[in-house]
């Protein structure tokens, strides 16, 4: 959920800050600022300053892939949002510090407390991290308590978020509303991909494409002949997949055999043929297993979100790693018997709807498996449940069959507690961001300019192998 993204970012960024800022905070620079009476210590500010630096370089890199963001002098010369990179980093670090304080105060105001389990998780994470990095941290003036404070704040943020937007929370979130959101933003499909390439991975000519189209149409007819019997259609899809896989193998072997060479030895005896290595992109295509896909909703990301470090919107699919489950039972004679059960939705996929910012370019969006199948899944496929169809793309044909996702909205399948929390995060993160902005808008900030100057992000040594004196 929400806090884990933040917590992961905390430790990743903190690990790099450990190598820099090689001086212990003096009494005049022990605190970077005071916000509404709460002092923000130097260690917390250093972390947020570095996090801001990394955010800046990632954005610059996404806008200009040729820019050498590993060179601090190059980064220093850049501008962002109309201000110098130095000023942008300071402004962003200030914003993070303001939110840090806002959460601390709101957590206390709401009389919330971290659970015993949360405190154990925090303690375990920090202890493990400190065992590896503690000495380096301390040499650079960053106390263990500062790192722990930032991590604790991520847990507090999560708890405050759930106070307002969790089920039956202050903002009135209901399970029915969450279900509707999930169902509208995810599609349940199964598809088989037929590549328009030969055994050598070369694109088929027009005649080859025509032959492949005829093959796919035959497959489609066999599947739709069983319309009305969902299980039978699924079984036929399995048969088609296996048949196509065998076809791919056969043409690859034929292509390899065609390149085989033979020779004779000095006595004129034939040397067995050897096969030259061939490269083929006509891979066997298999569908992805998705039984209890708890985290499928997490696949929807908004380009540019603070919680997501992605710069383009992507669509992913939920998947399980295995299609079967083994269980050991005892028969009537007391002997152990292993039974294997195939997951009921082993070859389906849950495709999450792509959401992007207004300025995201279409060419920057990645669709899985392709744009045409995606459009069908969220378009006509919603009207034709249980009816397989052919979708054409530039480099492949697809047989696609849509199903009603509502049929799988049970607590032991798609609608687990974890899934509900994921959907809450997706649906209400933006609203919570606005709420946070409201809390920080009227804060009284008193900066310690000496500390802010001393802990300039550009003074951080990002080479973990070096230590400042």
Protein backbone atom coordinates (compact mmCIF):
# COMPACT_ATOMS: atom_id res chain seq x y z
CA UNK A 1 0.00 0.00 0.00
CA UNK A 2 0.75 3.70 0.17
CA UNK A 3 3.23 3.58 3.08
CA UNK A 4 5.39 0.91 1.50
CA UNK A 5 6.17 3.07 -1.50
CA UNK A 6 7.20 5.84 0.85
CA UNK A 7 9.15 3.57 3.16
CA UNK A 8 11.07 2.02 0.30
CA UNK A 9 11.97 5.49 -0.96
CA UNK A 10 13.11 6.46 2.52
CA UNK A 11 15.67 3.68 2.80
CA UNK A 12 16.84 3.90 -0.80
CA UNK A 13 17.49 7.62 -0.58
CA UNK A 14 18.83 7.49 2.94
CA UNK A 15 21.39 4.88 1.90
CA UNK A 16 22.89 7.39 -0.50
CA UNK A 17 22.74 10.33 1.85
CA UNK A 18 24.82 8.29 4.25
CA UNK A 19 27.89 8.92 2.14
CA UNK A 20 27.67 12.68 2.23
CA UNK A 21 27.43 15.77 4.35
CA UNK A 22 30.62 15.00 6.19
CA UNK A 23 30.24 17.05 9.30
CA UNK A 24 28.36 16.76 12.54
CA UNK A 25 25.61 19.30 13.08
CA UNK A 26 26.73 22.13 15.32
CA UNK A 27 24.46 23.66 17.92
CA UNK A 28 23.55 26.46 15.52
CA UNK A 29 22.66 24.09 12.71
CA UNK A 30 21.13 21.18 14.63
CA UNK A 31 17.72 22.23 13.32
CA UNK A 32 16.99 23.30 9.76
CA UNK A 33 13.72 25.07 10.49
CA UNK A 34 10.81 25.43 12.86
CA UNK A 35 7.29 24.87 11.51
CA UNK A 36 4.33 25.79 13.69
CA UNK A 37 6.56 25.42 16.71
CA UNK A 38 7.93 22.01 15.67
CA UNK A 39 11.68 21.88 15.09
CA UNK A 40 12.83 19.88 12.06
CA UNK A 41 16.25 18.47 12.86
CA UNK A 42 19.16 18.49 10.44
CA UNK A 43 19.05 14.76 9.73
CA UNK A 44 15.43 14.87 8.59
CA UNK A 45 16.13 17.91 6.43
CA UNK A 46 19.17 16.26 4.84
CA UNK A 47 17.07 13.29 3.85
CA UNK A 48 14.36 15.41 2.26
CA UNK A 49 16.93 17.62 0.56
CA UNK A 50 18.54 14.62 -1.05
CA UNK A 51 15.16 13.11 -1.96
CA UNK A 52 14.36 16.40 -3.71
CA UNK A 53 17.68 16.30 -5.54
CA UNK A 54 16.91 12.80 -6.82
CA UNK A 55 13.40 13.83 -7.86
CA UNK A 56 14.87 16.72 -9.83
CA UNK A 57 17.45 14.57 -11.63
CA UNK A 58 14.84 11.94 -12.52
CA UNK A 59 12.58 14.61 -14.01
CA UNK A 60 15.45 16.19 -15.92
CA UNK A 61 16.48 12.79 -17.26
CA UNK A 62 12.95 12.01 -18.41
CA UNK A 63 12.82 15.31 -20.29
CA UNK A 64 16.28 14.94 -21.82
CA UNK A 65 17.74 11.42 -21.86
CA UNK A 66 21.10 12.75 -23.08
CA UNK A 67 21.60 15.00 -20.07
CA UNK A 68 24.36 13.74 -17.76
CA UNK A 69 22.61 14.01 -14.41
CA UNK A 70 25.50 12.21 -12.72
CA UNK A 71 27.47 15.45 -13.12
CA UNK A 72 26.46 17.83 -10.33
CA UNK A 73 27.72 20.84 -12.25
CA UNK A 74 25.42 19.96 -15.14
CA UNK A 75 22.46 19.54 -12.78
CA UNK A 76 23.30 22.83 -11.11
CA UNK A 77 23.03 24.66 -14.42
CA UNK A 78 19.48 23.43 -15.06
CA UNK A 79 16.17 25.09 -14.30
CA UNK A 80 12.87 23.57 -13.25
CA UNK A 81 9.50 25.29 -13.13
CA UNK A 82 11.14 28.61 -13.91
CA UNK A 83 13.66 28.58 -11.04
CA UNK A 84 17.23 27.37 -10.66
CA UNK A 85 17.81 23.75 -9.70
CA UNK A 86 19.20 24.87 -6.34
CA UNK A 87 16.10 26.90 -5.56
CA UNK A 88 13.79 24.10 -6.75
CA UNK A 89 15.46 21.57 -4.45
CA UNK A 90 15.21 23.90 -1.46
CA UNK A 91 11.53 24.58 -2.20
CA UNK A 92 10.76 20.89 -2.58
CA UNK A 93 12.65 19.95 0.60
CA UNK A 94 10.70 22.65 2.45
CA UNK A 95 7.46 21.18 1.10
CA UNK A 96 8.41 17.73 2.35
CA UNK A 97 9.33 19.11 5.76
CA UNK A 98 6.01 20.95 5.97
CA UNK A 99 4.12 17.76 5.20
CA UNK A 100 6.22 15.88 7.72
CA UNK A 101 5.17 18.31 10.44
CA UNK A 102 1.55 18.43 9.26
CA UNK A 103 1.31 14.64 9.60
CA UNK A 104 2.96 14.66 13.03
CA UNK A 105 0.49 17.24 14.30
CA UNK A 106 -2.57 15.69 12.66
CA UNK A 107 -1.64 12.25 13.99
CA UNK A 108 -1.57 13.67 17.51
CA UNK A 109 -4.73 15.73 16.98
CA UNK A 110 -6.67 12.65 15.88
CA UNK A 111 -5.34 10.77 18.92
CA UNK A 112 -3.88 8.05 16.71
CA UNK A 113 -1.05 5.76 17.72
CA UNK A 114 1.15 3.29 15.91
CA UNK A 115 0.20 -0.29 16.60
CA UNK A 116 2.52 -2.75 18.28
CA UNK A 117 2.95 -4.50 14.94
CA UNK A 118 3.84 -1.25 13.18
CA UNK A 119 6.40 -0.36 15.84
CA UNK A 120 7.97 -3.79 15.52
CA UNK A 121 8.19 -3.41 11.74
CA UNK A 122 9.80 0.01 12.08
CA UNK A 123 12.27 -1.16 14.73
CA UNK A 124 13.23 -4.25 12.75
CA UNK A 125 13.71 -2.26 9.54
CA UNK A 126 15.84 0.41 11.17
CA UNK A 127 17.97 -2.06 13.17
CA UNK A 128 18.69 -4.12 10.09
CA UNK A 129 19.54 -1.04 8.07
CA UNK A 130 21.70 0.43 10.82
CA UNK A 131 23.73 -2.75 11.19
CA UNK A 132 24.92 -2.20 7.63
CA UNK A 133 25.06 1.60 7.39
CA UNK A 134 25.09 2.97 10.92
CA UNK A 135 28.79 3.75 11.20
CA UNK A 136 28.79 5.64 7.93
CA UNK A 137 25.67 7.53 8.96
CA UNK A 138 27.12 8.63 12.24
CA UNK A 139 30.35 9.81 10.64
CA UNK A 140 28.26 12.04 8.40
CA UNK A 141 26.20 13.57 11.18
CA UNK A 142 22.98 11.63 10.56
CA UNK A 143 21.54 10.07 13.70
CA UNK A 144 19.66 6.80 13.78
CA UNK A 145 16.77 8.68 15.36
CA UNK A 146 16.45 10.92 12.28
CA UNK A 147 16.14 7.99 9.90
CA UNK A 148 13.66 6.36 12.25
CA UNK A 149 11.60 9.57 12.46
CA UNK A 150 11.22 9.70 8.69
CA UNK A 151 10.18 6.04 8.53
CA UNK A 152 7.73 6.48 11.39
CA UNK A 153 6.23 9.44 9.57
CA UNK A 154 5.45 7.25 6.56
CA UNK A 155 3.48 4.91 8.81
CA UNK A 156 1.70 7.86 10.37
CA UNK A 157 0.86 9.18 6.92
CA UNK A 158 -0.70 5.85 6.04
CA UNK A 159 -2.74 5.78 9.24
CA UNK A 160 -3.98 9.33 8.80
CA UNK A 161 -4.89 8.55 5.20
CA UNK A 162 -6.93 5.52 6.29
CA UNK A 163 -8.57 7.52 9.08
CA UNK A 164 -10.15 9.73 6.43
CA UNK A 165 -10.48 7.40 3.44
CA UNK A 166 -10.49 3.88 4.84
CA UNK A 167 -13.70 1.87 4.90
CA UNK A 168 -16.28 3.73 6.98
CA UNK A 169 -13.70 6.48 7.51
CA UNK A 170 -14.31 10.17 8.08
CA UNK A 171 -14.96 10.80 4.38
CA UNK A 172 -17.57 8.06 4.16
CA UNK A 173 -15.86 5.52 1.92
CA UNK A 174 -18.00 2.40 1.51
CA UNK A 175 -17.15 -1.04 0.21
CA UNK A 176 -19.81 -0.75 -2.50
CA UNK A 177 -18.18 2.43 -3.80
CA UNK A 178 -14.77 0.75 -3.85
CA UNK A 179 -16.11 -2.26 -5.72
CA UNK A 180 -17.68 -0.05 -8.34
CA UNK A 181 -14.41 1.86 -8.78
CA UNK A 182 -12.44 -1.37 -9.15
CA UNK A 183 -14.88 -2.89 -11.61
CA UNK A 184 -14.88 0.25 -13.76
CA UNK A 185 -11.09 0.45 -13.84
CA UNK A 186 -10.17 -3.18 -14.47
CA UNK A 187 -11.04 -5.65 -17.22
CA UNK A 188 -11.05 -9.45 -17.05
CA UNK A 189 -9.79 -11.09 -20.23
CA UNK A 190 -8.05 -14.07 -21.70
CA UNK A 191 -6.08 -13.85 -24.91
CA UNK A 192 -3.77 -15.86 -27.17
CA UNK A 193 -1.17 -14.06 -29.27
CA UNK A 194 -0.29 -15.28 -32.78
CA UNK A 195 2.93 -13.68 -33.98
CA UNK A 196 3.19 -12.56 -37.61
CA UNK A 197 6.73 -13.91 -37.96
CA UNK A 198 8.31 -17.01 -39.50
CA UNK A 199 10.63 -19.57 -37.91
CA UNK A 200 13.56 -17.19 -38.21
CA UNK A 201 11.73 -14.33 -36.55
CA UNK A 202 11.31 -12.47 -39.84
CA UNK A 203 8.05 -10.64 -40.60
CA UNK A 204 5.63 -12.65 -42.73
CA UNK A 205 4.86 -11.50 -46.24
CA UNK A 206 1.29 -10.84 -47.33
CA UNK A 207 0.69 -14.47 -48.26
CA UNK A 208 2.05 -15.63 -44.91
CA UNK A 209 -0.18 -13.18 -43.07
CA UNK A 210 -3.18 -14.43 -45.03
CA UNK A 211 -2.40 -18.02 -44.07
CA UNK A 212 -2.00 -17.07 -40.42
CA UNK A 213 -5.29 -15.16 -40.49
CA UNK A 214 -7.03 -18.26 -41.86
CA UNK A 215 -5.48 -20.41 -39.11
CA UNK A 216 -6.61 -17.98 -36.41
CA UNK A 217 -10.12 -17.81 -37.86
CA UNK A 218 -10.32 -21.61 -37.75
CA UNK A 219 -9.28 -21.55 -34.12
CA UNK A 220 -11.86 -18.87 -33.37
CA UNK A 221 -14.61 -20.93 -34.94
CA UNK A 222 -13.73 -23.93 -32.79
CA UNK A 223 -13.85 -21.81 -29.64
CA UNK A 224 -17.09 -19.97 -30.41
CA UNK A 225 -18.80 -23.20 -31.40
CA UNK A 226 -18.89 -23.89 -27.64
CA UNK A 227 -20.43 -20.52 -26.75
CA UNK A 228 -22.62 -20.75 -23.68
CA UNK A 229 -20.40 -23.30 -21.97
CA UNK A 230 -17.69 -21.24 -20.28
CA UNK A 231 -15.68 -24.22 -19.07
CA UNK A 232 -15.71 -25.83 -22.51
CA UNK A 233 -14.57 -22.59 -24.14
CA UNK A 234 -11.72 -22.31 -21.64
CA UNK A 235 -10.69 -25.89 -22.37
CA UNK A 236 -10.73 -25.16 -26.10
CA UNK A 237 -8.61 -22.06 -25.53
CA UNK A 238 -6.10 -24.34 -23.77
CA UNK A 239 -6.16 -26.70 -26.75
CA UNK A 240 -5.63 -23.87 -29.21
CA UNK A 241 -2.74 -22.50 -27.14
CA UNK A 242 -1.06 -25.91 -27.07
CA UNK A 243 -1.60 -26.43 -30.79
CA UNK A 244 -0.14 -23.03 -31.62
CA UNK A 245 2.84 -23.61 -29.33
CA UNK A 246 3.53 -26.85 -31.17
CA UNK A 247 3.28 -25.01 -34.48
CA UNK A 248 5.78 -22.38 -33.32
CA UNK A 249 8.19 -25.11 -32.27
CA UNK A 250 7.85 -26.91 -35.58
CA UNK A 251 8.55 -23.88 -37.78
CA UNK A 252 11.48 -22.92 -35.60
CA UNK A 253 12.93 -26.41 -35.97
CA UNK A 254 12.35 -26.33 -39.72
CA UNK A 255 14.13 -22.99 -39.96
CA UNK A 256 17.05 -24.36 -37.95
CA UNK A 257 17.22 -27.49 -40.14
CA UNK A 258 17.29 -25.36 -43.26
CA UNK A 259 20.52 -23.76 -42.07
CA UNK A 260 22.19 -27.09 -41.22
CA UNK A 261 25.50 -27.76 -42.93
CA UNK A 262 27.38 -31.02 -43.57
CA UNK A 263 30.92 -31.84 -44.59
CA UNK A 264 33.27 -34.79 -45.25
CA UNK A 265 36.44 -35.67 -43.45
CA UNK A 266 39.86 -36.31 -45.05
CA UNK A 267 38.83 -39.87 -45.97
CA UNK A 268 35.64 -38.74 -47.66
CA UNK A 269 33.35 -39.83 -44.83
CA UNK A 270 30.36 -37.61 -44.18
CA UNK A 271 30.43 -35.65 -40.97
CA UNK A 272 27.00 -35.36 -39.32
CA UNK A 273 25.26 -32.09 -40.08
CA UNK A 274 25.70 -29.25 -37.64
CA UNK A 275 23.13 -26.60 -37.18
CA UNK A 276 24.07 -22.98 -37.29
CA UNK A 277 22.58 -21.00 -34.51
CA UNK A 278 19.49 -19.12 -35.60
CA UNK A 279 17.84 -16.24 -33.87
CA UNK A 280 14.09 -16.33 -33.75
CA UNK A 281 11.52 -14.04 -32.25
CA UNK A 282 8.67 -16.41 -33.00
CA UNK A 283 8.43 -17.41 -29.39
CA UNK A 284 5.87 -19.71 -27.90
CA UNK A 285 3.19 -17.49 -26.47
CA UNK A 286 1.66 -18.45 -23.18
CA UNK A 287 -1.06 -16.75 -21.26
CA UNK A 288 -0.45 -15.51 -17.75
CA UNK A 289 -1.80 -17.15 -14.64
CA UNK A 290 -4.03 -14.93 -12.51
CA UNK A 291 -5.91 -16.74 -9.81
CA UNK A 292 -6.19 -14.69 -6.60
CA UNK A 293 -4.82 -11.47 -8.07
CA UNK A 294 -4.74 -9.27 -5.00
CA UNK A 295 -2.57 -6.50 -6.37
CA UNK A 296 -4.02 -6.00 -9.85
CA UNK A 297 -5.43 -2.61 -9.03
CA UNK A 298 -1.96 -1.45 -8.13
CA UNK A 299 -1.14 -1.60 -11.82
CA UNK A 300 -2.87 1.69 -12.51
CA UNK A 301 -0.36 4.51 -12.07
CA UNK A 302 -0.67 8.19 -12.82
CA UNK A 303 2.27 9.66 -14.65
CA UNK A 304 4.22 12.00 -12.43
CA UNK A 305 2.67 10.99 -9.10
CA UNK A 306 4.94 11.57 -6.12
CA UNK A 307 4.22 8.04 -4.91
CA UNK A 308 5.25 6.61 -8.25
CA UNK A 309 8.63 7.39 -9.72
CA UNK A 310 7.34 6.69 -13.22
CA UNK A 311 7.33 9.43 -15.80
CA UNK A 312 4.97 7.74 -18.19
CA UNK A 313 1.72 5.96 -17.52
CA UNK A 314 1.84 2.22 -17.86
CA UNK A 315 -0.62 -0.62 -17.80
CA UNK A 316 0.26 -3.86 -16.14
CA UNK A 317 -1.53 -7.12 -15.57
CA UNK A 318 -2.00 -9.06 -12.39
CA UNK A 319 -0.50 -12.51 -12.39
CA UNK A 320 0.15 -15.55 -10.27
CA UNK A 321 3.33 -17.50 -10.67
CA UNK A 322 1.77 -20.95 -10.70
CA UNK A 323 -1.33 -22.49 -12.15
CA UNK A 324 -1.68 -25.37 -9.68
CA UNK A 325 -1.83 -25.95 -5.97
CA UNK A 326 -0.71 -29.18 -4.34
CA UNK A 327 -2.26 -30.54 -1.16
CA UNK A 328 -1.41 -33.61 0.91
CA UNK A 329 -4.44 -35.54 2.13
CA UNK A 330 -4.94 -38.88 3.85
CA UNK A 331 -6.92 -41.67 2.18
CA UNK A 332 -9.18 -44.19 3.94
CA UNK A 333 -6.19 -46.43 4.70
CA UNK A 334 -4.27 -43.62 6.39
CA UNK A 335 -1.82 -43.21 3.52
CA UNK A 336 -0.79 -39.74 2.38
CA UNK A 337 -2.02 -38.79 -1.08
CA UNK A 338 -0.95 -35.67 -2.95
CA UNK A 339 -3.67 -34.01 -4.99
CA UNK A 340 -3.12 -31.20 -7.46
CA UNK A 341 -5.78 -28.60 -8.19
CA UNK A 342 -5.60 -26.25 -11.15
CA UNK A 343 -6.37 -22.63 -10.33
CA UNK A 344 -9.85 -21.83 -11.70
CA UNK A 345 -8.73 -18.72 -13.57
CA UNK A 346 -5.21 -19.83 -14.38
CA UNK A 347 -4.97 -18.26 -17.82
CA UNK A 348 -6.95 -15.06 -17.34
CA UNK A 349 -5.55 -11.58 -16.95
CA UNK A 350 -6.86 -8.60 -15.04
CA UNK A 351 -5.91 -5.52 -17.05
CA UNK A 352 -5.89 -2.21 -15.22
CA UNK A 353 -7.13 0.94 -16.90
CA UNK A 354 -4.40 3.41 -17.79
CA UNK A 355 -4.67 6.88 -16.29
CA UNK A 356 -2.34 9.71 -17.26
CA UNK A 357 -1.84 13.38 -16.74
CA UNK A 358 -3.29 15.73 -19.34
CA UNK A 359 0.06 16.47 -20.97
CA UNK A 360 1.10 12.82 -21.36
CA UNK A 361 1.73 11.95 -25.00
CA UNK A 362 0.08 8.86 -26.45
CA UNK A 363 3.42 7.56 -27.72
CA UNK A 364 4.76 7.62 -24.16
CA UNK A 365 2.12 5.19 -22.89
CA UNK A 366 2.84 1.46 -22.86
CA UNK A 367 -0.10 -0.91 -23.29
CA UNK A 368 0.00 -4.62 -22.52
CA UNK A 369 -0.33 -6.65 -24.66
CA UNK A 370 -1.12 -3.89 -27.19
CA UNK A 371 -3.33 -0.83 -27.63
CA UNK A 372 -5.94 -2.62 -29.77
CA UNK A 373 -6.52 -5.42 -27.27
CA UNK A 374 -6.61 -2.89 -24.44
CA UNK A 375 -9.22 -0.79 -26.25
CA UNK A 376 -11.34 -3.87 -26.89
CA UNK A 377 -11.12 -4.98 -23.24
CA UNK A 378 -12.50 -1.63 -22.06
CA UNK A 379 -14.82 -1.14 -25.03
CA UNK A 380 -16.76 -3.73 -26.99
CA UNK A 381 -15.43 -6.51 -24.79
CA UNK A 382 -17.57 -5.15 -21.96
CA UNK A 383 -20.66 -5.82 -24.06
CA UNK A 384 -19.70 -9.25 -25.37
CA UNK A 385 -18.81 -11.38 -22.37
CA UNK A 386 -18.14 -14.97 -23.32
CA UNK A 387 -17.73 -14.22 -27.03
CA UNK A 388 -14.21 -14.74 -28.41
CA UNK A 389 -13.06 -12.41 -31.18
CA UNK A 390 -9.99 -11.66 -33.30
CA UNK A 391 -8.06 -8.44 -32.69
CA UNK A 392 -5.47 -7.44 -35.29
CA UNK A 393 -2.26 -5.59 -34.50
CA UNK A 394 0.76 -4.65 -36.59
CA UNK A 395 2.83 -7.65 -35.58
CA UNK A 396 0.28 -10.18 -34.32
CA UNK A 397 -3.27 -11.46 -34.30
CA UNK A 398 -5.01 -12.06 -30.98
CA UNK A 399 -7.93 -14.20 -29.98
CA UNK A 400 -9.50 -12.35 -27.05
CA UNK A 401 -12.31 -13.42 -24.76
CA UNK A 402 -13.75 -11.03 -22.16
CA UNK A 403 -15.44 -12.11 -18.95
CA UNK A 404 -17.54 -10.27 -16.37
CA UNK A 405 -15.17 -9.18 -13.60
CA UNK A 406 -18.07 -9.03 -11.13
CA UNK A 407 -18.17 -12.82 -11.09
CA UNK A 408 -14.79 -12.83 -9.34
CA UNK A 409 -15.43 -10.12 -6.77
CA UNK A 410 -15.23 -12.39 -3.72
CA UNK A 411 -13.03 -12.15 -0.62
CA UNK A 412 -11.09 -15.30 -1.53
CA UNK A 413 -10.42 -14.16 -5.11
CA UNK A 414 -10.09 -10.59 -6.38
CA UNK A 415 -11.75 -8.75 -3.51
CA UNK A 416 -9.38 -9.41 -0.62
CA UNK A 417 -8.68 -6.96 2.20
CA UNK A 418 -5.33 -6.16 0.59
CA UNK A 419 -7.05 -5.41 -2.71
CA UNK A 420 -9.53 -3.11 -0.99
CA UNK A 421 -6.70 -1.11 0.57
CA UNK A 422 -4.98 -0.88 -2.80
CA UNK A 423 -8.14 0.50 -4.38
CA UNK A 424 -8.56 2.99 -1.55
CA UNK A 425 -5.06 4.25 -2.23
CA UNK A 426 -5.71 4.53 -5.95
CA UNK A 427 -9.04 6.25 -5.71
CA UNK A 428 -8.30 8.73 -2.93
CA UNK A 429 -4.56 9.52 -3.07
CA UNK A 430 -5.17 12.72 -5.05
CA UNK A 431 -7.85 13.87 -2.61
CA UNK A 432 -5.49 13.20 0.28
CA UNK A 433 -2.74 15.18 -1.45
CA UNK A 434 -5.14 18.13 -1.66
CA UNK A 435 -5.98 17.69 2.01
CA UNK A 436 -2.28 17.77 2.89
CA UNK A 437 -1.83 20.95 0.85
CA UNK A 438 -4.63 22.53 2.86
CA UNK A 439 -2.93 21.65 6.15
CA UNK A 440 0.40 23.14 5.08
CA UNK A 441 -0.98 26.30 3.46
CA UNK A 442 -1.16 28.36 6.64
CA UNK A 443 1.84 26.98 8.49
CA UNK A 444 4.30 29.41 10.07
CA UNK A 445 7.78 28.54 8.84
CA UNK A 446 10.96 29.91 10.41
CA UNK A 447 14.02 28.84 8.42
CA UNK A 448 17.48 28.40 9.84
CA UNK A 449 19.38 29.79 6.85
CA UNK A 450 22.74 28.71 8.25
CA UNK A 451 21.65 25.08 8.42
CA UNK A 452 19.98 25.12 5.02
CA UNK A 453 23.15 26.55 3.47
CA UNK A 454 25.33 24.04 5.30
CA UNK A 455 23.29 21.05 4.17
CA UNK A 456 23.03 22.01 0.52
CA UNK A 457 22.09 18.94 -1.56
CA UNK A 458 24.93 19.68 -3.99
CA UNK A 459 27.42 19.10 -1.18
CA UNK A 460 26.23 15.53 -0.70
CA UNK A 461 28.77 12.96 -1.85
CA UNK A 462 26.81 10.31 -3.73
CA UNK A 463 29.78 7.98 -4.00
CA UNK A 464 29.26 5.55 -1.12
CA UNK A 465 32.88 4.49 -1.33
CA UNK A 466 34.08 7.91 -0.22
CA UNK A 467 33.76 9.69 3.11
CA UNK A 468 34.04 13.36 3.82
CA UNK A 469 36.28 14.54 6.58
